[in-house]
């Protein structure tokens, strides 16, 4: 009988501990979401006395001190004006409402995720803010969110990004089936993945082709990878020779691979600042009241698309072969419009 009584007491203690844990988790979750907690309301909610709630709050305070020893600004305090407990977070360590709004705007502009994924991300972001800020954020992005249009491929990329990123970290060789842009031909590649970059709406995998001696890596649009497999093989690149996404990003335009090119151009458009922003490696060689001569390092020929978008306000000076290529492209474009001068003459489809 004594053993049975001991077991009942033990069960009651376990049940009590479980209820306390559940209660504290609920309170902390709501504090983290910006809610105001009042002891009397919480006591009624959980069917305990006010002293139990006070002990819970003290336990949560102790937890925060242990969990965030270097973040003195994170604490539960009593708001005398509103007569309840709040969680205060130092803005140096937590996202603020304006910061969350800025991130949400960038996400919406990216169009990189399906509508379901985008809504999930925006909801999770908003939950990091206080209750009052959350309402403002949702209202400020409501229209963009309603009219959000994802990219045509409609693919979920979260798992793919995570798994291939892990292969990059562990230097694991991967096999991919890739639908080549342009001719839609499927190709098989064995790759040494180096990095993942987001640019102009898409995620790209940067990788060296296994058992080739190409000096520069190839670039694959992630949504065009039909299938991929992480192998059991590893590759090794010394740390000092590691691929650096940041350095590539400064030198590549429109994610087209190729050799490194030193570009010199003359610009006389309205915004020189826009040119310098577009080409992070650019520096001004000379400048007068009418124009500026700029030099920049770029990878591949993707830069050509952007240069053409500057119309008659930009001239490529060097290298000579690229200047010739630009001239031939402009002449070909002019030829298209000369060929169909008559408004009534239909352009062939």
Protein backbone atom coordinates (compact mmCIF):
# COMPACT_ATOMS: atom_id res chain seq x y z
CA UNK A 1 0.00 0.00 0.00
CA UNK A 2 2.92 2.30 0.80
CA UNK A 3 4.46 1.71 -2.62
CA UNK A 4 1.13 2.46 -4.28
CA UNK A 5 0.87 5.74 -2.34
CA UNK A 6 4.43 6.69 -3.35
CA UNK A 7 3.58 6.04 -7.00
CA UNK A 8 0.45 8.23 -6.79
CA UNK A 9 2.50 11.05 -5.24
CA UNK A 10 5.13 10.67 -7.96
CA UNK A 11 2.47 10.78 -10.68
CA UNK A 12 0.96 13.90 -9.13
CA UNK A 13 4.38 15.57 -9.02
CA UNK A 14 5.04 14.70 -12.66
CA UNK A 15 1.62 16.03 -13.64
CA UNK A 16 2.20 19.23 -11.71
CA UNK A 17 5.64 19.72 -13.31
CA UNK A 18 4.16 19.12 -16.77
CA UNK A 19 1.39 21.68 -16.18
CA UNK A 20 3.91 24.24 -14.91
CA UNK A 21 6.14 23.70 -17.97
CA UNK A 22 3.17 24.05 -20.32
CA UNK A 23 2.03 27.19 -18.50
CA UNK A 24 5.49 28.80 -18.67
CA UNK A 25 5.91 27.95 -22.35
CA UNK A 26 2.55 29.50 -23.14
CA UNK A 27 3.38 32.64 -21.19
CA UNK A 28 6.83 33.00 -22.77
CA UNK A 29 5.48 32.46 -26.29
CA UNK A 30 2.90 35.20 -25.80
CA UNK A 31 5.46 37.54 -24.24
CA UNK A 32 7.73 36.95 -27.25
CA UNK A 33 4.85 37.92 -29.52
CA UNK A 34 4.47 41.24 -27.74
CA UNK A 35 1.49 40.46 -25.50
CA UNK A 36 0.96 42.04 -22.10
CA UNK A 37 0.50 39.50 -19.28
CA UNK A 38 -1.49 40.23 -16.13
CA UNK A 39 -1.07 37.90 -13.16
CA UNK A 40 -4.76 37.76 -12.29
CA UNK A 41 -5.74 36.94 -15.88
CA UNK A 42 -3.07 34.23 -16.17
CA UNK A 43 -4.06 32.73 -12.81
CA UNK A 44 -7.66 32.43 -14.00
CA UNK A 45 -6.58 31.08 -17.39
CA UNK A 46 -4.58 28.21 -15.86
CA UNK A 47 -6.61 27.64 -12.68
CA UNK A 48 -3.77 28.47 -10.27
CA UNK A 49 -3.22 31.20 -7.71
CA UNK A 50 -1.49 34.53 -8.40
CA UNK A 51 1.60 33.46 -6.43
CA UNK A 52 2.17 30.56 -8.85
CA UNK A 53 2.12 32.98 -11.78
CA UNK A 54 4.57 35.27 -9.96
CA UNK A 55 6.94 32.31 -9.45
CA UNK A 56 6.60 31.42 -13.14
CA UNK A 57 7.59 34.95 -14.13
CA UNK A 58 10.62 34.84 -11.84
CA UNK A 59 11.63 31.48 -13.35
CA UNK A 60 11.33 32.96 -16.84
CA UNK A 61 13.48 35.89 -15.79
CA UNK A 62 16.13 33.48 -14.52
CA UNK A 63 15.95 31.54 -17.78
CA UNK A 64 16.54 34.70 -19.84
CA UNK A 65 19.55 35.64 -17.74
CA UNK A 66 21.08 32.19 -18.33
CA UNK A 67 20.10 31.86 -21.99
CA UNK A 68 21.14 35.39 -23.02
CA UNK A 69 24.01 36.32 -20.65
CA UNK A 70 25.45 38.88 -23.06
CA UNK A 71 22.12 40.48 -23.97
CA UNK A 72 21.36 42.65 -20.95
CA UNK A 73 18.54 44.35 -22.85
CA UNK A 74 16.42 41.18 -23.00
CA UNK A 75 14.24 41.01 -19.88
CA UNK A 76 10.71 40.73 -18.54
CA UNK A 77 9.65 43.95 -16.84
CA UNK A 78 6.49 45.28 -15.22
CA UNK A 79 4.78 48.10 -17.14
CA UNK A 80 3.20 50.28 -14.45
CA UNK A 81 1.17 52.26 -16.96
CA UNK A 82 -0.51 49.21 -18.47
CA UNK A 83 -0.34 47.15 -15.26
CA UNK A 84 1.16 44.03 -16.76
CA UNK A 85 4.36 42.22 -17.71
CA UNK A 86 6.14 42.70 -21.05
CA UNK A 87 9.20 41.26 -22.73
CA UNK A 88 11.71 43.97 -23.59
CA UNK A 89 14.26 43.28 -26.30
CA UNK A 90 17.30 45.40 -27.00
CA UNK A 91 17.04 46.63 -30.59
CA UNK A 92 20.70 45.75 -31.15
CA UNK A 93 19.88 42.05 -30.82
CA UNK A 94 16.35 41.75 -32.24
CA UNK A 95 14.62 42.79 -35.42
CA UNK A 96 12.60 45.99 -35.13
CA UNK A 97 9.33 46.79 -36.90
CA UNK A 98 11.00 49.02 -39.54
CA UNK A 99 13.64 46.35 -40.20
CA UNK A 100 10.98 43.65 -40.62
CA UNK A 101 9.05 45.87 -43.02
CA UNK A 102 12.19 46.46 -45.11
CA UNK A 103 12.91 42.71 -45.31
CA UNK A 104 9.28 42.00 -46.26
CA UNK A 105 9.45 44.54 -49.08
CA UNK A 106 12.65 42.97 -50.44
CA UNK A 107 11.14 39.48 -50.27
CA UNK A 108 8.03 40.58 -52.18
CA UNK A 109 10.15 42.27 -54.86
CA UNK A 110 12.29 39.14 -55.29
CA UNK A 111 9.33 37.01 -56.47
CA UNK A 112 11.60 34.06 -55.66
CA UNK A 113 9.11 31.86 -53.79
CA UNK A 114 5.70 30.34 -54.40
CA UNK A 115 2.72 32.26 -53.02
CA UNK A 116 2.31 29.76 -50.18
CA UNK A 117 5.99 30.04 -49.23
CA UNK A 118 5.92 33.82 -49.44
CA UNK A 119 2.86 34.04 -47.17
CA UNK A 120 4.53 31.68 -44.70
CA UNK A 121 7.72 33.75 -44.65
CA UNK A 122 5.87 37.04 -44.23
CA UNK A 123 3.73 35.66 -41.41
CA UNK A 124 6.79 34.34 -39.57
CA UNK A 125 8.59 37.65 -40.04
CA UNK A 126 5.65 39.64 -38.72
CA UNK A 127 5.48 37.37 -35.66
CA UNK A 128 8.92 38.64 -34.62
CA UNK A 129 7.47 42.10 -33.98
CA UNK A 130 5.27 43.43 -31.22
CA UNK A 131 1.49 43.15 -31.49
CA UNK A 132 1.05 46.83 -32.42
CA UNK A 133 3.87 46.77 -34.99
CA UNK A 134 2.56 43.51 -36.43
CA UNK A 135 -0.75 45.14 -37.37
CA UNK A 136 1.07 48.04 -39.04
CA UNK A 137 3.38 45.74 -41.00
CA UNK A 138 0.52 43.57 -42.26
CA UNK A 139 -1.43 46.64 -43.31
CA UNK A 140 1.56 48.20 -45.09
CA UNK A 141 2.27 45.10 -47.21
CA UNK A 142 -1.33 43.96 -47.63
CA UNK A 143 -1.74 45.23 -51.20
CA UNK A 144 1.60 43.89 -52.46
CA UNK A 145 0.91 40.59 -50.77
CA UNK A 146 -2.53 40.26 -52.37
CA UNK A 147 -1.17 41.00 -55.86
CA UNK A 148 2.03 38.98 -55.42
CA UNK A 149 2.94 37.07 -58.58
CA UNK A 150 5.53 34.29 -58.21
CA UNK A 151 7.87 33.30 -61.03
CA UNK A 152 6.63 31.06 -63.81
CA UNK A 153 8.49 27.93 -62.65
CA UNK A 154 6.30 27.72 -59.46
CA UNK A 155 8.86 25.46 -57.76
CA UNK A 156 9.57 25.12 -54.06
CA UNK A 157 13.32 25.52 -53.58
CA UNK A 158 13.77 25.48 -49.80
CA UNK A 159 14.87 21.83 -49.51
CA UNK A 160 17.05 22.04 -52.60
CA UNK A 161 18.81 25.15 -51.34
CA UNK A 162 19.44 23.59 -47.93
CA UNK A 163 20.68 20.21 -49.16
CA UNK A 164 23.00 21.58 -51.85
CA UNK A 165 24.29 24.20 -49.41
CA UNK A 166 25.17 21.32 -47.09
CA UNK A 167 27.06 19.65 -49.95
CA UNK A 168 28.99 22.89 -50.46
CA UNK A 169 29.86 23.07 -46.77
CA UNK A 170 31.01 19.43 -46.64
CA UNK A 171 32.68 19.56 -50.12
CA UNK A 172 30.56 16.71 -51.49
CA UNK A 173 30.39 15.99 -55.22
CA UNK A 174 26.85 16.08 -56.65
CA UNK A 175 25.23 14.71 -59.80
CA UNK A 176 22.56 16.82 -61.51
CA UNK A 177 20.17 16.60 -64.45
CA UNK A 178 19.83 20.10 -65.85
CA UNK A 179 17.46 21.60 -68.42
CA UNK A 180 19.63 23.96 -70.41
CA UNK A 181 18.15 27.40 -70.98
CA UNK A 182 17.60 28.18 -74.66
CA UNK A 183 17.46 24.77 -76.33
CA UNK A 184 15.70 22.98 -73.38
CA UNK A 185 18.12 20.10 -73.75
CA UNK A 186 18.66 17.90 -70.70
CA UNK A 187 22.29 17.53 -69.69
CA UNK A 188 23.95 15.45 -66.98
CA UNK A 189 26.74 16.95 -64.90
CA UNK A 190 28.96 15.81 -62.03
CA UNK A 191 29.86 18.92 -60.07
CA UNK A 192 32.01 20.26 -57.26
CA UNK A 193 29.53 22.79 -55.83
CA UNK A 194 31.06 26.08 -54.69
CA UNK A 195 28.29 28.49 -53.75
CA UNK A 196 24.70 29.62 -54.21
CA UNK A 197 23.85 33.16 -55.27
CA UNK A 198 20.53 34.97 -55.67
CA UNK A 199 20.34 37.45 -58.55
CA UNK A 200 17.63 38.96 -60.76
CA UNK A 201 14.74 36.80 -59.43
CA UNK A 202 16.60 33.45 -59.45
CA UNK A 203 18.87 31.30 -57.28
CA UNK A 204 22.01 30.04 -59.02
CA UNK A 205 24.42 27.24 -58.22
CA UNK A 206 28.06 28.05 -58.93
CA UNK A 207 30.13 24.88 -59.42
CA UNK A 208 33.21 23.44 -61.08
CA UNK A 209 32.56 20.56 -63.47
CA UNK A 210 34.22 17.45 -62.05
CA UNK A 211 37.38 16.22 -63.82
CA UNK A 212 37.73 19.28 -66.05
CA UNK A 213 40.40 21.96 -65.94
CA UNK A 214 38.18 25.01 -66.50
CA UNK A 215 39.64 28.05 -64.77
CA UNK A 216 36.23 29.53 -63.92
CA UNK A 217 33.13 27.82 -62.48
CA UNK A 218 29.92 27.14 -64.39
CA UNK A 219 26.56 28.61 -63.32
CA UNK A 220 23.26 26.71 -63.13
CA UNK A 221 19.84 28.16 -62.40
CA UNK A 222 18.49 26.22 -59.43
CA UNK A 223 14.94 25.85 -60.75
CA UNK A 224 16.33 24.28 -63.95
CA UNK A 225 17.95 21.45 -62.01
CA UNK A 226 15.45 18.66 -62.65
CA UNK A 227 17.11 16.10 -60.36
CA UNK A 228 20.14 16.07 -58.11
CA UNK A 229 21.96 13.53 -55.96
CA UNK A 230 24.61 13.96 -53.31
CA UNK A 231 27.30 11.31 -53.84
CA UNK A 232 29.61 9.70 -51.29
CA UNK A 233 32.63 11.32 -52.94
CA UNK A 234 34.37 14.39 -51.55
CA UNK A 235 36.61 16.99 -53.12
CA UNK A 236 39.11 19.25 -51.43
CA UNK A 237 39.88 22.88 -52.12
CA UNK A 238 42.31 24.60 -49.72
CA UNK A 239 40.84 27.39 -47.65
CA UNK A 240 43.02 30.05 -49.25
CA UNK A 241 41.73 28.98 -52.70
CA UNK A 242 38.09 28.64 -51.67
CA UNK A 243 35.35 30.10 -53.83
CA UNK A 244 34.08 33.44 -52.53
CA UNK A 245 30.49 34.28 -53.53
CA UNK A 246 30.97 37.91 -52.54
CA UNK A 247 33.87 38.41 -54.92
CA UNK A 248 32.00 36.76 -57.80
CA UNK A 249 28.88 38.83 -57.10
CA UNK A 250 30.87 42.05 -57.49
CA UNK A 251 32.11 41.01 -60.93
CA UNK A 252 29.25 39.13 -62.61
CA UNK A 253 26.14 40.44 -64.33
CA UNK A 254 23.05 38.41 -65.24
CA UNK A 255 24.74 35.23 -63.97
CA UNK A 256 26.51 34.28 -67.18
CA UNK A 257 29.85 32.60 -66.65
CA UNK A 258 33.02 33.28 -68.57
CA UNK A 259 36.50 34.66 -68.18
CA UNK A 260 37.42 37.75 -66.20
CA UNK A 261 37.37 40.92 -68.31
CA UNK A 262 38.62 44.41 -67.54
CA UNK A 263 36.03 46.73 -69.00
CA UNK A 264 36.52 50.42 -69.80
CA UNK A 265 33.56 52.58 -70.81
CA UNK A 266 32.49 56.18 -71.14
CA UNK A 267 29.18 57.27 -69.63
CA UNK A 268 27.29 60.55 -70.03
CA UNK A 269 23.80 59.66 -68.79
CA UNK A 270 21.88 61.19 -65.90
CA UNK A 271 22.94 58.91 -63.05
CA UNK A 272 26.61 58.01 -62.76
CA UNK A 273 25.80 56.69 -59.30
CA UNK A 274 23.52 54.01 -60.83
CA UNK A 275 26.43 52.77 -62.97
CA UNK A 276 28.76 52.57 -59.98
CA UNK A 277 26.07 50.74 -57.98
CA UNK A 278 25.54 48.24 -60.80
CA UNK A 279 29.28 47.58 -61.12
CA UNK A 280 30.69 47.27 -57.58
CA UNK A 281 34.29 46.97 -58.82
CA UNK A 282 34.01 50.16 -60.90
CA UNK A 283 36.20 53.19 -60.34
CA UNK A 284 36.35 56.48 -62.21
CA UNK A 285 39.48 57.00 -64.33
CA UNK A 286 38.64 60.55 -65.30
CA UNK A 287 35.63 62.81 -65.31
CA UNK A 288 34.58 66.17 -66.73
CA UNK A 289 31.32 68.11 -66.83
CA UNK A 290 30.00 66.01 -69.73
CA UNK A 291 31.06 62.41 -69.10
CA UNK A 292 33.06 59.96 -67.03
CA UNK A 293 35.43 57.17 -68.03
CA UNK A 294 35.05 54.11 -65.82
CA UNK A 295 36.95 50.85 -65.41
CA UNK A 296 35.53 47.68 -63.87
CA UNK A 297 36.26 43.95 -63.64
CA UNK A 298 33.44 41.67 -64.81
CA UNK A 299 32.96 37.95 -65.43
CA UNK A 300 31.48 36.68 -68.67
CA UNK A 301 29.37 38.44 -71.28
CA UNK A 302 26.26 38.96 -69.16
CA UNK A 303 27.26 42.58 -68.70
CA UNK A 304 26.39 43.14 -72.35
CA UNK A 305 22.65 43.05 -71.62
CA UNK A 306 22.94 45.83 -69.08
CA UNK A 307 25.23 47.95 -71.25
CA UNK A 308 22.72 47.80 -74.11
CA UNK A 309 19.99 48.98 -71.74
CA UNK A 310 21.85 52.29 -71.34
CA UNK A 311 21.02 53.16 -74.98
CA UNK A 312 22.95 56.13 -76.40
CA UNK A 313 24.39 57.25 -73.06
CA UNK A 314 27.25 54.78 -72.88
CA UNK A 315 30.18 53.70 -75.05
CA UNK A 316 32.42 50.66 -74.53
CA UNK A 317 36.07 51.62 -75.04
CA UNK A 318 37.94 48.44 -74.13
CA UNK A 319 38.61 45.58 -74.68
CA UNK A 320 38.64 45.93 -78.46
CA UNK A 321 36.99 42.58 -79.22
CA UNK A 322 34.12 43.37 -76.84
CA UNK A 323 33.74 46.86 -78.32
CA UNK A 324 33.46 45.24 -81.75
CA UNK A 325 30.87 42.77 -80.44
CA UNK A 326 28.80 45.62 -79.01
CA UNK A 327 28.93 47.53 -82.30
CA UNK A 328 27.84 44.46 -84.29
CA UNK A 329 24.92 43.87 -81.91
CA UNK A 330 23.77 47.49 -82.18
CA UNK A 331 23.99 47.35 -85.98
CA UNK A 332 21.97 44.13 -86.05
CA UNK A 333 19.31 45.74 -83.85
CA UNK A 334 19.18 48.80 -86.12
CA UNK A 335 18.80 46.48 -89.11
CA UNK A 336 15.67 44.94 -87.64
CA UNK A 337 13.92 48.31 -87.47
CA UNK A 338 15.13 49.41 -90.91
CA UNK A 339 13.75 46.24 -92.47
CA UNK A 340 10.18 46.97 -91.35
CA UNK A 341 9.80 50.69 -92.05
CA UNK A 342 6.23 50.47 -93.32
CA UNK A 343 3.70 50.63 -90.43
CA UNK A 344 1.28 48.47 -92.40
CA UNK A 345 3.89 45.81 -93.02
CA UNK A 346 3.54 43.04 -90.47
CA UNK A 347 6.53 41.70 -88.57
CA UNK A 348 6.80 37.93 -89.18
CA UNK A 349 6.10 35.80 -86.09
